Amino acid sequence: MKMAGFYDESISNGLGWRAVLFVSGCPHNCPGCQNKMAQSFDYGEEFDKQKIIDKICENSILKGITISGGEPLCKENVKEVMDFIKDVKKVRPNFNVWCYSGYTIEELKNRNDEITNQALKEIDVLVDGRFVQEKKDPTLKFRGSSNQRILDVQKCIQENRIVQVAL
C-alpha cells in the first residue's frame, strides 16, 4: 500500500485532535474529488506502518486517527488498513478511529468477506458514500456532500440498522 500523505495533528478530519493517514488508490473517480492525485495506486510513498505508529505514540494530544484517501476500504487496501488500525489500538487502546470511504456501509457489508467485516469492527465512525459534486455543501461538518453519512459503525453492526452520529 502507498501513502498519499499523513498529518501529525488535525481537527478538521473528525472530532478532537487526531492524526490523519491518507492512503493511495481509489476506484471511484468521483468528479470534483478533493484528493484527485490520491486516486492512483502508484501515488505517494510506500506506507511505513511502524514510522506512523511511532509518530502517533510521540503525540500525547491525539485522541484518535482518521483514515482517508484515496479509498481505504477498497479491496486493494482494506487488509493493510485493518492491520494498521489493530496495531495502533495495541499502543493506544482508547484511540477513536474514523474512516472516510466512498463505499456505503451497505456496500461494505454486502461484500460479505472476512477482512472487510473485521475492518468494520475496528472502525468507530465511518463517513460513507461517494462525493457527489451536485450535492456539495461547504456548511456540512466532516463531509463534502449531503449524501454522505457520518455513522456510528459499532451501533450499526450491533443494531443491524443505520445509526448516524449526532454532532
N, C-alpha and C. Protein backbone atom coordinates (compact mmCIF):
# COMPACT_ATOMS: atom_id res chain seq x y z
N MET A 1 0.86 -1.17 0.00
CA MET A 1 0.00 0.00 0.00
C MET A 1 0.90 1.23 0.00
N LYS A 2 0.45 2.24 -0.72
CA LYS A 2 1.16 3.51 -0.72
C LYS A 2 0.39 4.53 0.10
N MET A 3 1.13 5.49 0.60
CA MET A 3 0.57 6.54 1.45
C MET A 3 0.60 7.85 0.68
N ALA A 4 -0.56 8.48 0.55
CA ALA A 4 -0.66 9.76 -0.15
C ALA A 4 -0.27 10.92 0.75
N GLY A 5 -0.32 10.70 2.07
CA GLY A 5 0.06 11.76 3.00
C GLY A 5 -0.26 11.37 4.43
N PHE A 6 0.24 12.19 5.36
CA PHE A 6 0.00 11.98 6.78
C PHE A 6 0.03 13.32 7.48
N TYR A 7 -0.98 13.58 8.32
CA TYR A 7 -1.00 14.76 9.17
C TYR A 7 -0.74 14.31 10.60
N ASP A 8 0.22 14.94 11.26
CA ASP A 8 0.50 14.63 12.66
C ASP A 8 -0.65 15.05 13.56
N GLU A 9 -1.31 16.16 13.21
CA GLU A 9 -2.42 16.70 14.01
C GLU A 9 -3.44 17.35 13.10
N SER A 10 -4.71 17.12 13.40
CA SER A 10 -5.79 17.74 12.65
C SER A 10 -7.03 17.82 13.54
N ILE A 11 -7.82 18.86 13.35
CA ILE A 11 -9.13 18.94 14.00
C ILE A 11 -10.25 19.04 12.96
N SER A 12 -9.90 18.89 11.68
CA SER A 12 -10.90 19.03 10.62
C SER A 12 -11.25 17.71 9.95
N ASN A 13 -10.72 16.60 10.44
CA ASN A 13 -10.98 15.29 9.84
C ASN A 13 -11.61 14.33 10.85
N GLY A 14 -12.49 14.87 11.68
CA GLY A 14 -13.13 14.10 12.73
C GLY A 14 -13.07 14.86 14.03
N LEU A 15 -13.81 14.39 15.02
CA LEU A 15 -13.87 15.07 16.31
C LEU A 15 -12.57 14.95 17.10
N GLY A 16 -12.13 16.05 17.67
CA GLY A 16 -10.95 16.05 18.52
C GLY A 16 -9.65 16.07 17.75
N TRP A 17 -8.54 16.16 18.50
CA TRP A 17 -7.21 16.12 17.89
C TRP A 17 -6.93 14.72 17.39
N ARG A 18 -6.56 14.61 16.13
CA ARG A 18 -6.34 13.30 15.53
C ARG A 18 -5.20 13.33 14.51
N ALA A 19 -4.58 12.21 14.35
CA ALA A 19 -3.65 12.00 13.24
C ALA A 19 -4.50 11.59 12.04
N VAL A 20 -4.00 11.87 10.84
CA VAL A 20 -4.75 11.52 9.63
C VAL A 20 -3.81 10.83 8.64
N LEU A 21 -4.20 9.64 8.23
CA LEU A 21 -3.48 8.88 7.22
C LEU A 21 -4.29 8.90 5.93
N PHE A 22 -3.65 9.32 4.84
CA PHE A 22 -4.27 9.30 3.52
C PHE A 22 -3.63 8.18 2.72
N VAL A 23 -4.41 7.17 2.36
CA VAL A 23 -3.88 6.07 1.57
C VAL A 23 -4.04 6.39 0.09
N SER A 24 -3.22 5.77 -0.72
CA SER A 24 -3.29 5.96 -2.18
C SER A 24 -4.15 4.87 -2.80
N GLY A 25 -4.81 5.26 -3.86
CA GLY A 25 -5.60 4.31 -4.64
C GLY A 25 -7.08 4.43 -4.37
N CYS A 26 -7.85 4.66 -5.44
CA CYS A 26 -9.31 4.75 -5.32
C CYS A 26 -9.95 4.39 -6.65
N PRO A 27 -10.91 3.47 -6.63
CA PRO A 27 -11.57 3.07 -7.86
C PRO A 27 -12.77 3.95 -8.24
N HIS A 28 -13.18 4.90 -7.37
CA HIS A 28 -14.44 5.62 -7.59
C HIS A 28 -14.37 6.72 -8.64
N ASN A 29 -13.26 7.47 -8.69
CA ASN A 29 -13.08 8.56 -9.64
C ASN A 29 -14.23 9.57 -9.60
N CYS A 30 -14.58 10.01 -8.41
CA CYS A 30 -15.68 10.97 -8.24
C CYS A 30 -15.33 12.32 -8.87
N PRO A 31 -16.19 12.86 -9.73
CA PRO A 31 -15.95 14.20 -10.25
C PRO A 31 -15.88 15.21 -9.10
N GLY A 32 -14.88 16.10 -9.14
CA GLY A 32 -14.72 17.09 -8.09
C GLY A 32 -13.98 16.58 -6.86
N CYS A 33 -13.39 15.41 -6.93
CA CYS A 33 -12.66 14.82 -5.80
C CYS A 33 -11.61 15.79 -5.30
N GLN A 34 -11.53 15.95 -3.98
CA GLN A 34 -10.53 16.87 -3.41
C GLN A 34 -9.13 16.26 -3.37
N ASN A 35 -9.02 14.95 -3.51
CA ASN A 35 -7.73 14.27 -3.49
C ASN A 35 -7.50 13.52 -4.80
N LYS A 36 -7.69 14.19 -5.92
CA LYS A 36 -7.62 13.56 -7.24
C LYS A 36 -6.32 12.76 -7.44
N MET A 37 -5.19 13.34 -7.01
CA MET A 37 -3.92 12.64 -7.24
C MET A 37 -3.83 11.35 -6.43
N ALA A 38 -4.55 11.27 -5.31
CA ALA A 38 -4.50 10.07 -4.46
C ALA A 38 -5.33 8.93 -5.05
N GLN A 39 -6.00 9.17 -6.18
CA GLN A 39 -6.76 8.09 -6.81
C GLN A 39 -5.83 7.03 -7.41
N SER A 40 -4.62 7.40 -7.76
CA SER A 40 -3.67 6.45 -8.34
C SER A 40 -3.06 5.59 -7.24
N PHE A 41 -3.03 4.28 -7.47
CA PHE A 41 -2.42 3.36 -6.52
C PHE A 41 -0.90 3.52 -6.49
N ASP A 42 -0.34 4.23 -7.47
CA ASP A 42 1.11 4.44 -7.55
C ASP A 42 1.53 5.78 -6.94
N TYR A 43 0.59 6.60 -6.52
CA TYR A 43 0.91 7.92 -5.98
C TYR A 43 1.47 7.82 -4.56
N GLY A 44 2.42 8.69 -4.25
CA GLY A 44 2.91 8.79 -2.88
C GLY A 44 4.08 7.88 -2.60
N GLU A 45 4.27 7.60 -1.31
CA GLU A 45 5.41 6.80 -0.88
C GLU A 45 4.92 5.50 -0.25
N GLU A 46 5.81 4.55 -0.17
CA GLU A 46 5.46 3.28 0.48
C GLU A 46 5.05 3.54 1.92
N PHE A 47 4.01 2.89 2.35
CA PHE A 47 3.49 3.05 3.70
C PHE A 47 4.43 2.35 4.68
N ASP A 48 4.97 3.12 5.61
CA ASP A 48 5.84 2.59 6.66
C ASP A 48 5.03 2.60 7.96
N LYS A 49 4.37 1.47 8.22
CA LYS A 49 3.46 1.39 9.36
C LYS A 49 4.14 1.75 10.68
N GLN A 50 5.30 1.22 10.92
CA GLN A 50 5.96 1.47 12.20
C GLN A 50 6.33 2.94 12.37
N LYS A 51 6.75 3.58 11.31
CA LYS A 51 7.10 5.01 11.36
C LYS A 51 5.88 5.84 11.76
N ILE A 52 4.72 5.52 11.20
CA ILE A 52 3.50 6.26 11.51
C ILE A 52 3.05 5.96 12.95
N ILE A 53 3.12 4.72 13.36
CA ILE A 53 2.75 4.37 14.74
C ILE A 53 3.68 5.08 15.73
N ASP A 54 4.96 5.16 15.42
CA ASP A 54 5.89 5.88 16.30
C ASP A 54 5.50 7.36 16.41
N LYS A 55 5.12 7.98 15.29
CA LYS A 55 4.69 9.39 15.33
C LYS A 55 3.45 9.55 16.20
N ILE A 56 2.52 8.62 16.10
CA ILE A 56 1.30 8.66 16.91
C ILE A 56 1.64 8.53 18.39
N CYS A 57 2.54 7.62 18.72
CA CYS A 57 2.91 7.40 20.11
C CYS A 57 3.62 8.60 20.73
N GLU A 58 4.31 9.37 19.92
CA GLU A 58 5.05 10.54 20.40
C GLU A 58 4.13 11.72 20.73
N ASN A 59 2.88 11.66 20.30
CA ASN A 59 2.00 12.81 20.42
C ASN A 59 0.86 12.53 21.40
N SER A 60 1.01 13.01 22.62
CA SER A 60 0.02 12.72 23.67
C SER A 60 -1.28 13.50 23.51
N ILE A 61 -1.31 14.52 22.68
CA ILE A 61 -2.53 15.32 22.49
C ILE A 61 -3.58 14.57 21.66
N LEU A 62 -3.16 13.58 20.89
CA LEU A 62 -4.06 12.89 19.97
C LEU A 62 -5.10 12.04 20.70
N LYS A 63 -6.34 12.12 20.21
CA LYS A 63 -7.43 11.31 20.75
C LYS A 63 -7.88 10.23 19.76
N GLY A 64 -7.37 10.31 18.53
CA GLY A 64 -7.79 9.34 17.55
C GLY A 64 -7.03 9.45 16.26
N ILE A 65 -7.45 8.61 15.33
CA ILE A 65 -6.86 8.61 13.99
C ILE A 65 -7.98 8.57 12.97
N THR A 66 -7.76 9.27 11.87
CA THR A 66 -8.68 9.24 10.73
C THR A 66 -7.93 8.64 9.56
N ILE A 67 -8.60 7.74 8.86
CA ILE A 67 -8.01 7.13 7.67
C ILE A 67 -8.87 7.54 6.49
N SER A 68 -8.21 8.15 5.51
CA SER A 68 -8.90 8.69 4.35
C SER A 68 -8.13 8.28 3.11
N GLY A 69 -8.41 8.92 2.02
CA GLY A 69 -7.71 8.50 0.82
C GLY A 69 -7.73 9.53 -0.28
N GLY A 70 -7.66 8.91 -1.41
CA GLY A 70 -7.82 7.55 -1.86
C GLY A 70 -9.04 6.87 -1.23
N GLU A 71 -8.97 5.57 -1.27
CA GLU A 71 -10.05 4.72 -0.73
C GLU A 71 -9.47 3.66 0.20
N PRO A 72 -9.58 3.89 1.52
CA PRO A 72 -9.00 2.94 2.47
C PRO A 72 -9.64 1.56 2.45
N LEU A 73 -10.91 1.48 2.06
CA LEU A 73 -11.62 0.20 2.19
C LEU A 73 -11.81 -0.52 0.85
N CYS A 74 -11.08 -0.08 -0.18
CA CYS A 74 -11.13 -0.86 -1.43
C CYS A 74 -10.41 -2.18 -1.18
N LYS A 75 -10.67 -3.15 -2.00
CA LYS A 75 -10.11 -4.48 -1.78
C LYS A 75 -8.59 -4.48 -1.78
N GLU A 76 -7.97 -3.54 -2.49
CA GLU A 76 -6.52 -3.48 -2.55
C GLU A 76 -5.90 -2.96 -1.24
N ASN A 77 -6.66 -2.17 -0.44
CA ASN A 77 -6.12 -1.51 0.74
C ASN A 77 -6.66 -2.03 2.07
N VAL A 78 -7.81 -2.65 2.06
CA VAL A 78 -8.53 -2.92 3.30
C VAL A 78 -7.75 -3.78 4.30
N LYS A 79 -7.02 -4.77 3.84
CA LYS A 79 -6.28 -5.64 4.78
C LYS A 79 -5.19 -4.85 5.50
N GLU A 80 -4.41 -4.09 4.75
CA GLU A 80 -3.33 -3.33 5.38
C GLU A 80 -3.88 -2.24 6.29
N VAL A 81 -5.00 -1.63 5.90
CA VAL A 81 -5.64 -0.63 6.76
C VAL A 81 -6.12 -1.27 8.05
N MET A 82 -6.76 -2.43 7.95
CA MET A 82 -7.24 -3.12 9.15
C MET A 82 -6.09 -3.50 10.08
N ASP A 83 -5.02 -4.02 9.52
CA ASP A 83 -3.84 -4.38 10.32
C ASP A 83 -3.26 -3.15 11.01
N PHE A 84 -3.21 -2.04 10.30
CA PHE A 84 -2.69 -0.79 10.86
C PHE A 84 -3.55 -0.34 12.04
N ILE A 85 -4.87 -0.34 11.87
CA ILE A 85 -5.77 0.08 12.96
C ILE A 85 -5.55 -0.82 14.18
N LYS A 86 -5.49 -2.11 13.97
CA LYS A 86 -5.27 -3.04 15.09
C LYS A 86 -3.96 -2.75 15.81
N ASP A 87 -2.90 -2.47 15.05
CA ASP A 87 -1.61 -2.18 15.66
C ASP A 87 -1.62 -0.85 16.41
N VAL A 88 -2.32 0.15 15.88
CA VAL A 88 -2.46 1.43 16.58
C VAL A 88 -3.19 1.21 17.91
N LYS A 89 -4.24 0.41 17.88
CA LYS A 89 -5.01 0.18 19.10
C LYS A 89 -4.23 -0.61 20.15
N LYS A 90 -3.22 -1.35 19.73
CA LYS A 90 -2.37 -2.06 20.70
C LYS A 90 -1.57 -1.07 21.54
N VAL A 91 -1.13 0.02 20.92
CA VAL A 91 -0.32 1.01 21.64
C VAL A 91 -1.14 2.18 22.18
N ARG A 92 -2.31 2.42 21.59
CA ARG A 92 -3.22 3.47 22.04
C ARG A 92 -4.63 2.87 22.09
N PRO A 93 -4.91 2.05 23.12
CA PRO A 93 -6.16 1.27 23.17
C PRO A 93 -7.44 2.10 23.14
N ASN A 94 -7.42 3.31 23.62
CA ASN A 94 -8.64 4.14 23.66
C ASN A 94 -8.77 5.06 22.46
N PHE A 95 -7.94 4.85 21.46
CA PHE A 95 -7.98 5.69 20.26
C PHE A 95 -9.30 5.52 19.54
N ASN A 96 -9.87 6.64 19.13
CA ASN A 96 -11.08 6.68 18.33
C ASN A 96 -10.68 6.63 16.86
N VAL A 97 -11.32 5.77 16.08
CA VAL A 97 -10.96 5.59 14.67
C VAL A 97 -12.09 6.06 13.77
N TRP A 98 -11.78 7.04 12.93
CA TRP A 98 -12.69 7.49 11.88
C TRP A 98 -12.13 7.00 10.55
N CYS A 99 -13.03 6.70 9.62
CA CYS A 99 -12.61 6.29 8.29
C CYS A 99 -13.55 6.92 7.26
N TYR A 100 -12.96 7.47 6.22
CA TYR A 100 -13.72 8.02 5.09
C TYR A 100 -13.70 7.00 3.96
N SER A 101 -14.88 6.67 3.44
CA SER A 101 -14.96 5.71 2.35
C SER A 101 -16.03 6.14 1.35
N GLY A 102 -15.71 5.96 0.08
CA GLY A 102 -16.71 6.18 -0.96
C GLY A 102 -17.76 5.08 -1.02
N TYR A 103 -17.48 3.97 -0.36
CA TYR A 103 -18.46 2.89 -0.27
C TYR A 103 -19.44 3.20 0.84
N THR A 104 -20.69 2.83 0.67
CA THR A 104 -21.64 2.92 1.77
C THR A 104 -21.44 1.73 2.69
N ILE A 105 -21.91 1.85 3.91
CA ILE A 105 -21.78 0.72 4.83
C ILE A 105 -22.53 -0.50 4.29
N GLU A 106 -23.64 -0.27 3.59
CA GLU A 106 -24.37 -1.39 3.00
C GLU A 106 -23.52 -2.11 1.97
N GLU A 107 -22.81 -1.35 1.11
CA GLU A 107 -21.94 -1.97 0.10
C GLU A 107 -20.82 -2.77 0.77
N LEU A 108 -20.27 -2.21 1.83
CA LEU A 108 -19.19 -2.91 2.53
C LEU A 108 -19.68 -4.19 3.19
N LYS A 109 -20.84 -4.13 3.83
CA LYS A 109 -21.39 -5.33 4.46
C LYS A 109 -21.79 -6.38 3.42
N ASN A 110 -22.27 -5.92 2.27
CA ASN A 110 -22.69 -6.85 1.22
C ASN A 110 -21.52 -7.57 0.55
N ARG A 111 -20.31 -7.07 0.72
CA ARG A 111 -19.14 -7.80 0.22
C ARG A 111 -19.07 -9.18 0.87
N ASN A 112 -19.48 -9.20 2.14
CA ASN A 112 -19.50 -10.45 2.91
C ASN A 112 -18.16 -11.17 2.87
N ASP A 113 -17.08 -10.38 3.03
CA ASP A 113 -15.77 -11.02 3.15
C ASP A 113 -15.20 -10.71 4.52
N GLU A 114 -14.44 -11.64 5.05
CA GLU A 114 -13.97 -11.59 6.43
C GLU A 114 -13.10 -10.36 6.71
N ILE A 115 -12.24 -9.98 5.77
CA ILE A 115 -11.33 -8.85 6.01
C ILE A 115 -12.12 -7.55 6.13
N THR A 116 -13.07 -7.32 5.25
CA THR A 116 -13.89 -6.11 5.34
C THR A 116 -14.70 -6.11 6.63
N ASN A 117 -15.28 -7.25 6.98
CA ASN A 117 -16.06 -7.34 8.23
C ASN A 117 -15.18 -7.06 9.44
N GLN A 118 -13.95 -7.57 9.45
CA GLN A 118 -13.03 -7.30 10.55
C GLN A 118 -12.65 -5.83 10.60
N ALA A 119 -12.43 -5.23 9.44
CA ALA A 119 -12.09 -3.80 9.39
C ALA A 119 -13.21 -2.97 9.98
N LEU A 120 -14.45 -3.29 9.63
CA LEU A 120 -15.59 -2.53 10.17
C LEU A 120 -15.65 -2.64 11.69
N LYS A 121 -15.28 -3.79 12.24
CA LYS A 121 -15.30 -3.96 13.70
C LYS A 121 -14.26 -3.09 14.39
N GLU A 122 -13.26 -2.62 13.66
CA GLU A 122 -12.20 -1.78 14.23
C GLU A 122 -12.48 -0.28 14.10
N ILE A 123 -13.48 0.08 13.29
CA ILE A 123 -13.78 1.49 12.99
C ILE A 123 -14.92 1.97 13.87
N ASP A 124 -14.72 3.14 14.50
CA ASP A 124 -15.78 3.73 15.33
C ASP A 124 -16.76 4.54 14.50
N VAL A 125 -16.23 5.39 13.62
CA VAL A 125 -17.06 6.28 12.82
C VAL A 125 -16.68 6.13 11.35
N LEU A 126 -17.69 5.93 10.52
CA LEU A 126 -17.49 5.82 9.08
C LEU A 126 -18.23 6.96 8.40
N VAL A 127 -17.49 7.76 7.64
CA VAL A 127 -18.12 8.76 6.77
C VAL A 127 -18.24 8.05 5.44
N ASP A 128 -19.47 7.68 5.07
CA ASP A 128 -19.64 6.80 3.91
C ASP A 128 -20.30 7.50 2.74
N GLY A 129 -20.08 6.93 1.57
CA GLY A 129 -20.69 7.41 0.34
C GLY A 129 -19.73 8.23 -0.51
N ARG A 130 -19.92 8.12 -1.80
CA ARG A 130 -19.08 8.86 -2.73
C ARG A 130 -19.38 10.36 -2.65
N PHE A 131 -18.37 11.15 -2.94
CA PHE A 131 -18.58 12.60 -3.07
C PHE A 131 -19.39 12.84 -4.33
N VAL A 132 -20.48 13.62 -4.20
CA VAL A 132 -21.33 13.97 -5.34
C VAL A 132 -21.27 15.48 -5.50
N GLN A 133 -20.67 15.93 -6.58
CA GLN A 133 -20.43 17.35 -6.79
C GLN A 133 -21.73 18.17 -6.75
N GLU A 134 -22.80 17.63 -7.30
CA GLU A 134 -24.09 18.34 -7.31
C GLU A 134 -24.68 18.49 -5.92
N LYS A 135 -24.19 17.70 -4.97
CA LYS A 135 -24.69 17.77 -3.59
C LYS A 135 -23.64 18.36 -2.64
N LYS A 136 -22.64 19.00 -3.22
CA LYS A 136 -21.57 19.62 -2.42
C LYS A 136 -22.18 20.68 -1.51
N ASP A 137 -21.76 20.66 -0.25
CA ASP A 137 -22.29 21.61 0.72
C ASP A 137 -21.18 21.97 1.71
N PRO A 138 -20.57 23.14 1.55
CA PRO A 138 -19.46 23.52 2.43
C PRO A 138 -19.87 23.80 3.88
N THR A 139 -21.16 23.82 4.17
CA THR A 139 -21.60 24.05 5.55
C THR A 139 -21.64 22.76 6.37
N LEU A 140 -21.51 21.62 5.72
CA LEU A 140 -21.57 20.34 6.42
C LEU A 140 -20.29 20.09 7.20
N LYS A 141 -20.42 19.54 8.39
CA LYS A 141 -19.25 19.15 9.17
C LYS A 141 -18.73 17.80 8.70
N PHE A 142 -17.43 17.73 8.48
CA PHE A 142 -16.71 16.48 8.25
C PHE A 142 -17.12 15.70 7.01
N ARG A 143 -17.80 16.32 6.08
CA ARG A 143 -18.15 15.65 4.82
C ARG A 143 -18.33 16.68 3.74
N GLY A 144 -18.23 16.24 2.50
CA GLY A 144 -18.25 17.18 1.38
C GLY A 144 -19.59 17.33 0.68
N SER A 145 -20.41 16.28 0.69
CA SER A 145 -21.70 16.35 0.00
C SER A 145 -22.80 15.76 0.88
N SER A 146 -24.02 16.23 0.65
CA SER A 146 -25.14 15.92 1.54
C SER A 146 -25.56 14.45 1.52
N ASN A 147 -25.15 13.68 0.53
CA ASN A 147 -25.48 12.26 0.50
C ASN A 147 -24.61 11.45 1.46
N GLN A 148 -23.47 11.99 1.87
CA GLN A 148 -22.57 11.26 2.75
C GLN A 148 -23.10 11.27 4.18
N ARG A 149 -22.90 10.14 4.86
CA ARG A 149 -23.39 9.99 6.22
C ARG A 149 -22.23 9.80 7.19
N ILE A 150 -22.44 10.22 8.42
CA ILE A 150 -21.46 10.01 9.48
C ILE A 150 -22.06 8.97 10.42
N LEU A 151 -21.53 7.75 10.36
CA LEU A 151 -22.16 6.61 11.00
C LEU A 151 -21.39 6.11 12.22
N ASP A 152 -22.13 5.72 13.24
CA ASP A 152 -21.58 5.01 14.40
C ASP A 152 -21.53 3.54 13.99
N VAL A 153 -20.38 3.10 13.54
CA VAL A 153 -20.26 1.77 12.94
C VAL A 153 -20.62 0.66 13.92
N GLN A 154 -20.16 0.77 15.16
CA GLN A 154 -20.42 -0.30 16.11
C GLN A 154 -21.91 -0.44 16.41
N LYS A 155 -22.62 0.68 16.53
CA LYS A 155 -24.07 0.61 16.72
C LYS A 155 -24.76 0.08 15.47
N CYS A 156 -24.28 0.47 14.29
CA CYS A 156 -24.85 -0.06 13.05
C CYS A 156 -24.75 -1.58 13.01
N ILE A 157 -23.60 -2.10 13.44
CA ILE A 157 -23.39 -3.56 13.44
C ILE A 157 -24.26 -4.22 14.51
N GLN A 158 -24.22 -3.67 15.73
CA GLN A 158 -24.95 -4.28 16.85
C GLN A 158 -26.47 -4.26 16.63
N GLU A 159 -26.96 -3.14 16.13
CA GLU A 159 -28.41 -2.97 15.98
C GLU A 159 -28.91 -3.33 14.59
N ASN A 160 -27.99 -3.66 13.68
CA ASN A 160 -28.34 -4.03 12.31
C ASN A 160 -29.25 -2.99 11.64
N ARG A 161 -28.86 -1.72 11.84
CA ARG A 161 -29.58 -0.61 11.20
C ARG A 161 -28.61 0.56 11.09
N ILE A 162 -28.99 1.58 10.34
CA ILE A 162 -28.16 2.76 10.16
C ILE A 162 -28.32 3.65 11.40
N VAL A 163 -27.18 3.97 12.04
CA VAL A 163 -27.17 4.85 13.19
C VAL A 163 -26.17 5.97 12.90
N GLN A 164 -26.70 7.16 12.69
CA GLN A 164 -25.83 8.29 12.39
C GLN A 164 -25.33 8.93 13.68
N VAL A 165 -24.15 9.51 13.60
CA VAL A 165 -23.55 10.20 14.74
C VAL A 165 -24.18 11.59 14.86
N ALA A 166 -24.61 11.93 16.06
CA ALA A 166 -25.14 13.28 16.31
C ALA A 166 -23.97 14.20 16.61
N LEU A 167 -23.83 15.24 15.81
CA LEU A 167 -22.72 16.18 16.03
C LEU A 167 -23.23 17.47 16.66
